[in-house]
Amino acid sequence: MSKKCPDKWIILEFTSEEYGTFRKILSSWYGGYLGGDSWNLSSPIINFDTKDSCYEIKTESSIYVCHKNHYGMSSYASSVYERMLESAKSKNISLTFIKETELIKCHTQQ
């Protein structure tokens, strides 16, 4: 299983009649001098562990090491999120951004 350590990240909750409710990580990386910024939407989250300075989040396909002080979106990820919201509306899917203050509460209830 691959490990990923994003520069910025958020948790999104998806709800639909067909698939129920599940959460995913929208992560992004800064490109730097030679490359452009990039983003990724994870597979569904299956486990969420709190460490000293980070969260270790296991999804169906990867393990994300997400630093606590990096929660949020880059401007690039924000534009991706806005497009995702529009797409979700047209497919009758509820898409919710989980606020940082709700992270622990929402994952201890899973």
PDB file of N, CA and C in Angstrom:
ATOM      1  N   MET A   1       0.853  -1.174   0.000  1.00  0.00           N
ATOM      2  CA  MET A   1       0.000   0.000   0.000  1.00  0.00           C
ATOM      3  C   MET A   1       0.898   1.237   0.000  1.00  0.00           C
ATOM      4  N   SER A   2       0.638   2.161  -0.899  1.00  0.00           N
ATOM      5  CA  SER A   2       1.480   3.347  -1.012  1.00  0.00           C
ATOM      6  C   SER A   2       1.163   4.360   0.094  1.00  0.00           C
ATOM      7  N   LYS A   3       2.176   5.166   0.451  1.00  0.00           N
ATOM      8  CA  LYS A   3       2.005   6.246   1.425  1.00  0.00           C
ATOM      9  C   LYS A   3       2.065   7.577   0.693  1.00  0.00           C
ATOM     10  N   LYS A   4       1.178   8.475   1.075  1.00  0.00           N
ATOM     11  CA  LYS A   4       1.133   9.801   0.473  1.00  0.00           C
ATOM     12  C   LYS A   4       1.172  10.836   1.588  1.00  0.00           C
ATOM     13  N   CYS A   5       1.898  11.920   1.340  1.00  0.00           N
ATOM     14  CA  CYS A   5       2.006  12.996   2.318  1.00  0.00           C
ATOM     15  C   CYS A   5       1.709  14.326   1.613  1.00  0.00           C
ATOM     16  N   PRO A   6       0.450  14.728   1.584  1.00  0.00           N
ATOM     17  CA  PRO A   6       0.076  15.937   0.835  1.00  0.00           C
ATOM     18  C   PRO A   6       0.542  17.232   1.505  1.00  0.00           C
ATOM     19  N   ASP A   7       0.722  18.250   0.675  1.00  0.00           N
ATOM     20  CA  ASP A   7       1.048  19.585   1.183  1.00  0.00           C
ATOM     21  C   ASP A   7      -0.166  20.229   1.857  1.00  0.00           C
ATOM     22  N   LYS A   8      -1.342  20.009   1.306  1.00  0.00           N
ATOM     23  CA  LYS A   8      -2.605  20.505   1.859  1.00  0.00           C
ATOM     24  C   LYS A   8      -3.632  19.393   1.691  1.00  0.00           C
ATOM     25  N   TRP A   9      -4.632  19.362   2.573  1.00  0.00           N
ATOM     26  CA  TRP A   9      -5.642  18.304   2.489  1.00  0.00           C
ATOM     27  C   TRP A   9      -6.906  18.698   3.240  1.00  0.00           C
ATOM     28  N   ILE A  10      -8.022  18.115   2.811  1.00  0.00           N
ATOM     29  CA  ILE A  10      -9.301  18.266   3.508  1.00  0.00           C
ATOM     30  C   ILE A  10     -10.043  16.928   3.426  1.00  0.00           C
ATOM     31  N   ILE A  11     -11.058  16.790   4.257  1.00  0.00           N
ATOM     32  CA  ILE A  11     -11.931  15.622   4.211  1.00  0.00           C
ATOM     33  C   ILE A  11     -13.270  16.064   3.620  1.00  0.00           C
ATOM     34  N   LEU A  12     -13.761  15.282   2.668  1.00  0.00           N
ATOM     35  CA  LEU A  12     -15.064  15.529   2.060  1.00  0.00           C
ATOM     36  C   LEU A  12     -15.986  14.362   2.372  1.00  0.00           C
ATOM     37  N   GLU A  13     -17.248  14.669   2.643  1.00  0.00           N
ATOM     38  CA  GLU A  13     -18.242  13.628   2.877  1.00  0.00           C
ATOM     39  C   GLU A  13     -19.218  13.618   1.705  1.00  0.00           C
ATOM     40  N   PHE A  14     -19.406  12.453   1.128  1.00  0.00           N
ATOM     41  CA  PHE A  14     -20.306  12.258  -0.001  1.00  0.00           C
ATOM     42  C   PHE A  14     -21.513  11.451   0.476  1.00  0.00           C
ATOM     43  N   THR A  15     -22.701  11.848   0.064  1.00  0.00           N
ATOM     44  CA  THR A  15     -23.908  11.087   0.379  1.00  0.00           C
ATOM     45  C   THR A  15     -24.764  11.000  -0.874  1.00  0.00           C
ATOM     46  N   SER A  16     -25.151   9.765  -1.208  1.00  0.00           N
ATOM     47  CA  SER A  16     -26.064   9.554  -2.327  1.00  0.00           C
ATOM     48  C   SER A  16     -26.970   8.379  -2.001  1.00  0.00           C
ATOM     49  N   GLU A  17     -28.120   8.317  -2.656  1.00  0.00           N
ATOM     50  CA  GLU A  17     -29.033   7.189  -2.438  1.00  0.00           C
ATOM     51  C   GLU A  17     -28.375   5.884  -2.853  1.00  0.00           C
ATOM     52  N   GLU A  18     -27.655   5.914  -3.939  1.00  0.00           N
ATOM     53  CA  GLU A  18     -27.062   4.692  -4.498  1.00  0.00           C
ATOM     54  C   GLU A  18     -25.919   4.131  -3.641  1.00  0.00           C
ATOM     55  N   TYR A  19     -25.039   5.015  -3.106  1.00  0.00           N
ATOM     56  CA  TYR A  19     -23.830   4.556  -2.403  1.00  0.00           C
ATOM     57  C   TYR A  19     -23.822   4.830  -0.908  1.00  0.00           C
ATOM     58  N   GLY A  20     -24.808   5.513  -0.383  1.00  0.00           N
ATOM     59  CA  GLY A  20     -24.820   5.846   1.034  1.00  0.00           C
ATOM     60  C   GLY A  20     -23.861   6.994   1.337  1.00  0.00           C
ATOM     61  N   THR A  21     -23.285   6.995   2.547  1.00  0.00           N
ATOM     62  CA  THR A  21     -22.376   8.053   2.978  1.00  0.00           C
ATOM     63  C   THR A  21     -20.975   7.500   3.148  1.00  0.00           C
ATOM     64  N   PHE A  22     -19.999   8.229   2.624  1.00  0.00           N
ATOM     65  CA  PHE A  22     -18.592   7.858   2.775  1.00  0.00           C
ATOM     66  C   PHE A  22     -17.757   9.119   2.721  1.00  0.00           C
ATOM     67  N   ARG A  23     -16.520   9.018   3.200  1.00  0.00           N
ATOM     68  CA  ARG A  23     -15.617  10.172   3.238  1.00  0.00           C
ATOM     69  C   ARG A  23     -14.357   9.884   2.428  1.00  0.00           C
ATOM     70  N   LYS A  24     -13.841  10.941   1.814  1.00  0.00           N
ATOM     71  CA  LYS A  24     -12.611  10.860   1.029  1.00  0.00           C
ATOM     72  C   LYS A  24     -11.717  12.050   1.359  1.00  0.00           C
ATOM     73  N   ILE A  25     -10.448  11.926   0.992  1.00  0.00           N
ATOM     74  CA  ILE A  25      -9.479  13.007   1.188  1.00  0.00           C
ATOM     75  C   ILE A  25      -9.258  13.711  -0.147  1.00  0.00           C
ATOM     76  N   LEU A  26      -9.427  15.019  -0.163  1.00  0.00           N
ATOM     77  CA  LEU A  26      -9.013  15.822  -1.310  1.00  0.00           C
ATOM     78  C   LEU A  26      -7.662  16.406  -0.927  1.00  0.00           C
ATOM     79  N   SER A  27      -6.619  15.941  -1.601  1.00  0.00           N
ATOM     80  CA  SER A  27      -5.262  16.360  -1.247  1.00  0.00           C
ATOM     81  C   SER A  27      -4.623  17.102  -2.411  1.00  0.00           C
ATOM     82  N   SER A  28      -3.635  17.936  -2.068  1.00  0.00           N
ATOM     83  CA  SER A  28      -2.940  18.677  -3.123  1.00  0.00           C
ATOM     84  C   SER A  28      -1.466  18.839  -2.768  1.00  0.00           C
ATOM     85  N   TRP A  29      -0.679  19.012  -3.825  1.00  0.00           N
ATOM     86  CA  TRP A  29       0.758  19.201  -3.707  1.00  0.00           C
ATOM     87  C   TRP A  29       1.142  20.415  -4.542  1.00  0.00           C
ATOM     88  N   TYR A  30       2.077  21.208  -4.026  1.00  0.00           N
ATOM     89  CA  TYR A  30       2.593  22.354  -4.768  1.00  0.00           C
ATOM     90  C   TYR A  30       3.633  21.858  -5.761  1.00  0.00           C
ATOM     91  N   GLY A  31       3.630  22.422  -6.957  1.00  0.00           N
ATOM     92  CA  GLY A  31       4.513  21.950  -8.020  1.00  0.00           C
ATOM     93  C   GLY A  31       5.933  22.463  -7.937  1.00  0.00           C
ATOM     94  N   GLY A  32       6.114  23.650  -7.441  1.00  0.00           N
ATOM     95  CA  GLY A  32       7.456  24.202  -7.392  1.00  0.00           C
ATOM     96  C   GLY A  32       7.900  24.784  -8.719  1.00  0.00           C
ATOM     97  N   TYR A  33       9.193  24.931  -8.851  1.00  0.00           N
ATOM     98  CA  TYR A  33       9.790  25.621  -9.995  1.00  0.00           C
ATOM     99  C   TYR A  33       9.515  24.931 -11.334  1.00  0.00           C
ATOM    100  N   LEU A  34       9.687  23.631 -11.408  1.00  0.00           N
ATOM    101  CA  LEU A  34       9.596  22.933 -12.692  1.00  0.00           C
ATOM    102  C   LEU A  34       8.260  22.266 -12.986  1.00  0.00           C
ATOM    103  N   GLY A  35       7.407  22.118 -11.998  1.00  0.00           N
ATOM    104  CA  GLY A  35       6.152  21.404 -12.229  1.00  0.00           C
ATOM    105  C   GLY A  35       4.956  22.175 -11.745  1.00  0.00           C
ATOM    106  N   GLY A  36       3.805  21.781 -12.255  1.00  0.00           N
ATOM    107  CA  GLY A  36       2.569  22.414 -11.833  1.00  0.00           C
ATOM    108  C   GLY A  36       2.014  21.758 -10.577  1.00  0.00           C
ATOM    109  N   ASP A  37       1.081  22.438  -9.945  1.00  0.00           N
ATOM    110  CA  ASP A  37       0.412  21.879  -8.782  1.00  0.00           C
ATOM    111  C   ASP A  37      -0.379  20.636  -9.196  1.00  0.00           C
ATOM    112  N   SER A  38      -0.630  19.745  -8.246  1.00  0.00           N
ATOM    113  CA  SER A  38      -1.415  18.551  -8.539  1.00  0.00           C
ATOM    114  C   SER A  38      -2.389  18.283  -7.389  1.00  0.00           C
ATOM    115  N   TRP A  39      -3.374  17.434  -7.661  1.00  0.00           N
ATOM    116  CA  TRP A  39      -4.371  17.103  -6.658  1.00  0.00           C
ATOM    117  C   TRP A  39      -4.764  15.647  -6.813  1.00  0.00           C
ATOM    118  N   ASN A  40      -5.423  15.119  -5.777  1.00  0.00           N
ATOM    119  CA  ASN A  40      -5.885  13.744  -5.801  1.00  0.00           C
ATOM    120  C   ASN A  40      -7.122  13.620  -4.911  1.00  0.00           C
ATOM    121  N   LEU A  41      -8.073  12.819  -5.349  1.00  0.00           N
ATOM    122  CA  LEU A  41      -9.214  12.463  -4.522  1.00  0.00           C
ATOM    123  C   LEU A  41      -9.039  10.996  -4.163  1.00  0.00           C
ATOM    124  N   SER A  42      -8.945  10.711  -2.875  1.00  0.00           N
ATOM    125  CA  SER A  42      -8.656   9.350  -2.421  1.00  0.00           C
ATOM    126  C   SER A  42      -9.842   8.421  -2.626  1.00  0.00           C
ATOM    127  N   SER A  43      -9.579   7.151  -2.434  1.00  0.00           N
ATOM    128  CA  SER A  43     -10.663   6.184  -2.310  1.00  0.00           C
ATOM    129  C   SER A  43     -11.279   6.391  -0.921  1.00  0.00           C
ATOM    130  N   PRO A  44     -12.398   5.757  -0.615  1.00  0.00           N
ATOM    131  CA  PRO A  44     -13.046   5.975   0.688  1.00  0.00           C
ATOM    132  C   PRO A  44     -12.138   5.671   1.885  1.00  0.00           C
ATOM    133  N   ILE A  45     -12.300   6.473   2.927  1.00  0.00           N
ATOM    134  CA  ILE A  45     -11.531   6.319   4.167  1.00  0.00           C
ATOM    135  C   ILE A  45     -12.059   5.105   4.932  1.00  0.00           C
ATOM    136  N   ILE A  46     -11.121   4.282   5.429  1.00  0.00           N
ATOM    137  CA  ILE A  46     -11.532   3.133   6.236  1.00  0.00           C
ATOM    138  C   ILE A  46     -11.012   3.199   7.671  1.00  0.00           C
ATOM    139  N   ASN A  47      -9.977   4.021   7.927  1.00  0.00           N
ATOM    140  CA  ASN A  47      -9.436   4.135   9.288  1.00  0.00           C
ATOM    141  C   ASN A  47      -8.761   5.495   9.444  1.00  0.00           C
ATOM    142  N   PHE A  48      -8.867   6.066  10.626  1.00  0.00           N
ATOM    143  CA  PHE A  48      -8.369   7.412  10.900  1.00  0.00           C
ATOM    144  C   PHE A  48      -7.677   7.385  12.257  1.00  0.00           C
ATOM    145  N   ASP A  49      -6.340   7.466  12.283  1.00  0.00           N
ATOM    146  CA  ASP A  49      -5.575   7.437  13.534  1.00  0.00           C
ATOM    147  C   ASP A  49      -4.918   8.784  13.790  1.00  0.00           C
ATOM    148  N   THR A  50      -4.979   9.242  15.030  1.00  0.00           N
ATOM    149  CA  THR A  50      -4.340  10.490  15.429  1.00  0.00           C
ATOM    150  C   THR A  50      -2.948  10.188  15.964  1.00  0.00           C
ATOM    151  N   LYS A  51      -1.948  10.871  15.423  1.00  0.00           N
ATOM    152  CA  LYS A  51      -0.568  10.776  15.898  1.00  0.00           C
ATOM    153  C   LYS A  51      -0.204  12.128  16.504  1.00  0.00           C
ATOM    154  N   ASP A  52       1.051  12.307  16.918  1.00  0.00           N
ATOM    155  CA  ASP A  52       1.461  13.565  17.555  1.00  0.00           C
ATOM    156  C   ASP A  52       1.196  14.790  16.683  1.00  0.00           C
ATOM    157  N   SER A  53       1.809  14.846  15.519  1.00  0.00           N
ATOM    158  CA  SER A  53       1.703  16.037  14.676  1.00  0.00           C
ATOM    159  C   SER A  53       0.935  15.781  13.384  1.00  0.00           C
ATOM    160  N   CYS A  54       0.380  14.570  13.252  1.00  0.00           N
ATOM    161  CA  CYS A  54      -0.308  14.246  12.006  1.00  0.00           C
ATOM    162  C   CYS A  54      -1.437  13.255  12.253  1.00  0.00           C
ATOM    163  N   TYR A  55      -2.200  13.045  11.191  1.00  0.00           N
ATOM    164  CA  TYR A  55      -3.199  11.991  11.168  1.00  0.00           C
ATOM    165  C   TYR A  55      -2.705  10.947  10.181  1.00  0.00           C
ATOM    166  N   GLU A  56      -2.849   9.694  10.500  1.00  0.00           N
ATOM    167  CA  GLU A  56      -2.551   8.632   9.560  1.00  0.00           C
ATOM    168  C   GLU A  56      -3.903   8.072   9.133  1.00  0.00           C
ATOM    169  N   ILE A  57      -4.226   8.294   7.873  1.00  0.00           N
ATOM    170  CA  ILE A  57      -5.555   7.970   7.371  1.00  0.00           C
ATOM    171  C   ILE A  57      -5.427   6.864   6.324  1.00  0.00           C
ATOM    172  N   LYS A  58      -6.059   5.746   6.612  1.00  0.00           N
ATOM    173  CA  LYS A  58      -6.010   4.622   5.687  1.00  0.00           C
ATOM    174  C   LYS A  58      -7.256   4.659   4.808  1.00  0.00           C
ATOM    175  N   THR A  59      -7.029   4.587   3.504  1.00  0.00           N
ATOM    176  CA  THR A  59      -8.133   4.498   2.557  1.00  0.00           C
ATOM    177  C   THR A  59      -8.121   3.096   1.966  1.00  0.00           C
ATOM    178  N   GLU A  60      -9.029   2.839   1.050  1.00  0.00           N
ATOM    179  CA  GLU A  60      -9.077   1.520   0.432  1.00  0.00           C
ATOM    180  C   GLU A  60      -7.828   1.207  -0.381  1.00  0.00           C
ATOM    181  N   SER A  61      -7.069   2.231  -0.785  1.00  0.00           N
ATOM    182  CA  SER A  61      -5.924   1.980  -1.665  1.00  0.00           C
ATOM    183  C   SER A  61      -4.593   2.553  -1.190  1.00  0.00           C
ATOM    184  N   SER A  62      -4.597   3.473  -0.215  1.00  0.00           N
ATOM    185  CA  SER A  62      -3.362   4.136   0.207  1.00  0.00           C
ATOM    186  C   SER A  62      -3.430   4.507   1.678  1.00  0.00           C
ATOM    187  N   ILE A  63      -2.279   4.892   2.210  1.00  0.00           N
ATOM    188  CA  ILE A  63      -2.202   5.470   3.546  1.00  0.00           C
ATOM    189  C   ILE A  63      -1.741   6.914   3.375  1.00  0.00           C
ATOM    190  N   TYR A  64      -2.491   7.841   3.947  1.00  0.00           N
ATOM    191  CA  TYR A  64      -2.158   9.260   3.870  1.00  0.00           C
ATOM    192  C   TYR A  64      -1.606   9.700   5.220  1.00  0.00           C
ATOM    193  N   VAL A  65      -0.439  10.320   5.199  1.00  0.00           N
ATOM    194  CA  VAL A  65       0.138  10.936   6.392  1.00  0.00           C
ATOM    195  C   VAL A  65      -0.133  12.431   6.240  1.00  0.00           C
ATOM    196  N   CYS A  66      -1.110  12.913   6.982  1.00  0.00           N
ATOM    197  CA  CYS A  66      -1.600  14.286   6.821  1.00  0.00           C
ATOM    198  C   CYS A  66      -1.254  15.111   8.051  1.00  0.00           C
ATOM    199  N   HIS A  67      -0.389  16.080   7.876  1.00  0.00           N
ATOM    200  CA  HIS A  67       0.025  16.926   8.998  1.00  0.00           C
ATOM    201  C   HIS A  67      -1.140  17.793   9.460  1.00  0.00           C
ATOM    202  N   LYS A  68      -1.297  17.862  10.764  1.00  0.00           N
ATOM    203  CA  LYS A  68      -2.424  18.584  11.349  1.00  0.00           C
ATOM    204  C   LYS A  68      -2.447  20.055  10.943  1.00  0.00           C
ATOM    205  N   ASN A  69      -1.290  20.684  10.869  1.00  0.00           N
ATOM    206  CA  ASN A  69      -1.258  22.114  10.528  1.00  0.00           C
ATOM    207  C   ASN A  69      -1.317  22.375   9.024  1.00  0.00           C
ATOM    208  N   HIS A  70      -1.574  21.353   8.220  1.00  0.00           N
ATOM    209  CA  HIS A  70      -1.697  21.528   6.763  1.00  0.00           C
ATOM    210  C   HIS A  70      -3.133  21.365   6.289  1.00  0.00           C
ATOM    211  N   TYR A  71      -4.096  21.296   7.218  1.00  0.00           N
ATOM    212  CA  TYR A  71      -5.496  21.126   6.827  1.00  0.00           C
ATOM    213  C   TYR A  71      -5.983  22.377   6.118  1.00  0.00           C
ATOM    214  N   GLY A  72      -6.529  22.208   4.948  1.00  0.00           N
ATOM    215  CA  GLY A  72      -7.027  23.316   4.158  1.00  0.00           C
ATOM    216  C   GLY A  72      -6.761  23.075   2.689  1.00  0.00           C
ATOM    217  N   MET A  73      -7.104  24.055   1.878  1.00  0.00           N
ATOM    218  CA  MET A  73      -6.970  23.922   0.425  1.00  0.00           C
ATOM    219  C   MET A  73      -6.048  24.975  -0.150  1.00  0.00           C
ATOM    220  N   SER A  74      -5.276  24.559  -1.137  1.00  0.00           N
ATOM    221  CA  SER A  74      -4.535  25.522  -1.952  1.00  0.00           C
ATOM    222  C   SER A  74      -5.548  26.170  -2.892  1.00  0.00           C
ATOM    223  N   SER A  75      -5.168  27.220  -3.570  1.00  0.00           N
ATOM    224  CA  SER A  75      -6.097  27.860  -4.516  1.00  0.00           C
ATOM    225  C   SER A  75      -6.444  26.898  -5.650  1.00  0.00           C
ATOM    226  N   TYR A  76      -5.491  26.075  -6.047  1.00  0.00           N
ATOM    227  CA  TYR A  76      -5.745  25.086  -7.099  1.00  0.00           C
ATOM    228  C   TYR A  76      -6.774  24.059  -6.629  1.00  0.00           C
ATOM    229  N   ALA A  77      -6.593  23.512  -5.419  1.00  0.00           N
ATOM    230  CA  ALA A  77      -7.540  22.527  -4.882  1.00  0.00           C
ATOM    231  C   ALA A  77      -8.913  23.158  -4.667  1.00  0.00           C
ATOM    232  N   SER A  78      -8.943  24.429  -4.311  1.00  0.00           N
ATOM    233  CA  SER A  78     -10.207  25.123  -4.132  1.00  0.00           C
ATOM    234  C   SER A  78     -10.994  25.178  -5.445  1.00  0.00           C
ATOM    235  N   SER A  79     -10.314  25.399  -6.539  1.00  0.00           N
ATOM    236  CA  SER A  79     -11.005  25.420  -7.839  1.00  0.00           C
ATOM    237  C   SER A  79     -11.489  24.016  -8.213  1.00  0.00           C
ATOM    238  N   VAL A  80     -10.723  22.993  -7.872  1.00  0.00           N
ATOM    239  CA  VAL A  80     -11.150  21.604  -8.100  1.00  0.00           C
ATOM    240  C   VAL A  80     -12.402  21.317  -7.263  1.00  0.00           C
ATOM    241  N   TYR A  81     -12.384  21.733  -6.006  1.00  0.00           N
ATOM    242  CA  TYR A  81     -13.524  21.533  -5.108  1.00  0.00           C
ATOM    243  C   TYR A  81     -14.786  22.210  -5.653  1.00  0.00           C
ATOM    244  N   GLU A  82     -14.645  23.415  -6.153  1.00  0.00           N
ATOM    245  CA  GLU A  82     -15.802  24.128  -6.716  1.00  0.00           C
ATOM    246  C   GLU A  82     -16.389  23.363  -7.900  1.00  0.00           C
ATOM    247  N   ARG A  83     -15.543  22.808  -8.757  1.00  0.00           N
ATOM    248  CA  ARG A  83     -16.024  22.002  -9.889  1.00  0.00           C
ATOM    249  C   ARG A  83     -16.700  20.724  -9.397  1.00  0.00           C
ATOM    250  N   MET A  84     -16.161  20.125  -8.331  1.00  0.00           N
ATOM    251  CA  MET A  84     -16.759  18.925  -7.753  1.00  0.00           C
ATOM    252  C   MET A  84     -18.152  19.222  -7.199  1.00  0.00           C
ATOM    253  N   LEU A  85     -18.320  20.380  -6.556  1.00  0.00           N
ATOM    254  CA  LEU A  85     -19.627  20.776  -6.028  1.00  0.00           C
ATOM    255  C   LEU A  85     -20.661  20.880  -7.142  1.00  0.00           C
ATOM    256  N   GLU A  86     -20.283  21.516  -8.236  1.00  0.00           N
ATOM    257  CA  GLU A  86     -21.194  21.656  -9.372  1.00  0.00           C
ATOM    258  C   GLU A  86     -21.566  20.298  -9.953  1.00  0.00           C
ATOM    259  N   SER A  87     -20.585  19.430 -10.098  1.00  0.00           N
ATOM    260  CA  SER A  87     -20.827  18.094 -10.630  1.00  0.00           C
ATOM    261  C   SER A  87     -21.731  17.286  -9.696  1.00  0.00           C
ATOM    262  N   ALA A  88     -21.500  17.385  -8.399  1.00  0.00           N
ATOM    263  CA  ALA A  88     -22.302  16.650  -7.424  1.00  0.00           C
ATOM    264  C   ALA A  88     -23.762  17.077  -7.477  1.00  0.00           C
ATOM    265  N   LYS A  89     -24.011  18.379  -7.609  1.00  0.00           N
ATOM    266  CA  LYS A  89     -25.382  18.882  -7.690  1.00  0.00           C
ATOM    267  C   LYS A  89     -26.119  18.259  -8.864  1.00  0.00           C
ATOM    268  N   SER A  90     -25.453  18.186 -10.004  1.00  0.00           N
ATOM    269  CA  SER A  90     -26.105  17.658 -11.208  1.00  0.00           C
ATOM    270  C   SER A  90     -26.365  16.151 -11.110  1.00  0.00           C
ATOM    271  N   LYS A  91     -25.671  15.462 -10.177  1.00  0.00           N
ATOM    272  CA  LYS A  91     -25.835  14.013 -10.009  1.00  0.00           C
ATOM    273  C   LYS A  91     -26.612  13.655  -8.746  1.00  0.00           C
ATOM    274  N   ASN A  92     -27.205  14.660  -8.106  1.00  0.00           N
ATOM    275  CA  ASN A  92     -27.982  14.472  -6.879  1.00  0.00           C
ATOM    276  C   ASN A  92     -27.157  13.820  -5.763  1.00  0.00           C
ATOM    277  N   ILE A  93     -25.925  14.294  -5.613  1.00  0.00           N
ATOM    278  CA  ILE A  93     -25.022  13.831  -4.563  1.00  0.00           C
ATOM    279  C   ILE A  93     -24.781  14.991  -3.607  1.00  0.00           C
ATOM    280  N   SER A  94     -24.896  14.722  -2.321  1.00  0.00           N
ATOM    281  CA  SER A  94     -24.574  15.735  -1.317  1.00  0.00           C
ATOM    282  C   SER A  94     -23.069  15.674  -1.061  1.00  0.00           C
ATOM    283  N   LEU A  95     -22.408  16.804  -1.159  1.00  0.00           N
ATOM    284  CA  LEU A  95     -20.962  16.897  -0.936  1.00  0.00           C
ATOM    285  C   LEU A  95     -20.724  17.933   0.157  1.00  0.00           C
ATOM    286  N   THR A  96     -20.108  17.504   1.259  1.00  0.00           N
ATOM    287  CA  THR A  96     -19.908  18.365   2.420  1.00  0.00           C
ATOM    288  C   THR A  96     -18.432  18.432   2.778  1.00  0.00           C
ATOM    289  N   PHE A  97     -17.939  19.635   2.973  1.00  0.00           N
ATOM    290  CA  PHE A  97     -16.583  19.876   3.463  1.00  0.00           C
ATOM    291  C   PHE A  97     -16.607  19.715   4.982  1.00  0.00           C
ATOM    292  N   ILE A  98     -15.787  18.812   5.520  1.00  0.00           N
ATOM    293  CA  ILE A  98     -15.717  18.602   6.966  1.00  0.00           C
ATOM    294  C   ILE A  98     -14.763  19.649   7.550  1.00  0.00           C
ATOM    295  N   LYS A  99     -15.282  20.491   8.439  1.00  0.00           N
ATOM    296  CA  LYS A  99     -14.455  21.528   9.051  1.00  0.00           C
ATOM    297  C   LYS A  99     -13.395  20.905   9.946  1.00  0.00           C
ATOM    298  N   GLU A 100     -12.290  21.571  10.068  1.00  0.00           N
ATOM    299  CA  GLU A 100     -11.172  21.063  10.864  1.00  0.00           C
ATOM    300  C   GLU A 100     -11.592  20.771  12.307  1.00  0.00           C
ATOM    301  N   THR A 101     -12.450  21.601  12.856  1.00  0.00           N
ATOM    302  CA  THR A 101     -12.892  21.401  14.238  1.00  0.00           C
ATOM    303  C   THR A 101     -13.755  20.145  14.399  1.00  0.00           C
ATOM    304  N   GLU A 102     -14.263  19.615  13.302  1.00  0.00           N
ATOM    305  CA  GLU A 102     -15.120  18.432  13.335  1.00  0.00           C
ATOM    306  C   GLU A 102     -14.371  17.142  13.008  1.00  0.00           C
ATOM    307  N   LEU A 103     -13.086  17.226  12.677  1.00  0.00           N
ATOM    308  CA  LEU A 103     -12.340  16.046  12.229  1.00  0.00           C
ATOM    309  C   LEU A 103     -12.387  14.891  13.211  1.00  0.00           C
ATOM    310  N   ILE A 104     -11.974  15.117  14.426  1.00  0.00           N
ATOM    311  CA  ILE A 104     -11.893  14.029  15.404  1.00  0.00           C
ATOM    312  C   ILE A 104     -13.291  13.483  15.691  1.00  0.00           C
ATOM    313  N   LYS A 105     -14.244  14.362  15.886  1.00  0.00           N
ATOM    314  CA  LYS A 105     -15.603  13.927  16.209  1.00  0.00           C
ATOM    315  C   LYS A 105     -16.188  13.059  15.099  1.00  0.00           C
ATOM    316  N   CYS A 106     -16.015  13.463  13.860  1.00  0.00           N
ATOM    317  CA  CYS A 106     -16.641  12.724  12.773  1.00  0.00           C
ATOM    318  C   CYS A 106     -15.958  11.375  12.546  1.00  0.00           C
ATOM    319  N   HIS A 107     -14.692  11.241  12.893  1.00  0.00           N
ATOM    320  CA  HIS A 107     -14.006   9.973  12.653  1.00  0.00           C
ATOM    321  C   HIS A 107     -14.011   9.056  13.852  1.00  0.00           C
ATOM    322  N   THR A 108     -14.353   9.542  15.016  1.00  0.00           N
ATOM    323  CA  THR A 108     -14.507   8.633  16.150  1.00  0.00           C
ATOM    324  C   THR A 108     -15.877   7.993  16.110  1.00  0.00           C
ATOM    325  N   GLN A 109     -16.787   8.556  15.307  1.00  0.00           N
ATOM    326  CA  GLN A 109     -18.133   7.998  15.190  1.00  0.00           C
ATOM    327  C   GLN A 109     -18.233   6.963  14.082  1.00  0.00           C
ATOM    328  N   GLN A 110     -17.213   6.792  13.280  1.00  0.00           N
ATOM    329  CA  GLN A 110     -17.272   5.830  12.163  1.00  0.00           C
ATOM    330  C   GLN A 110     -17.285   4.426  12.661  1.00  0.00           C
TER     331      GLN A 110
END
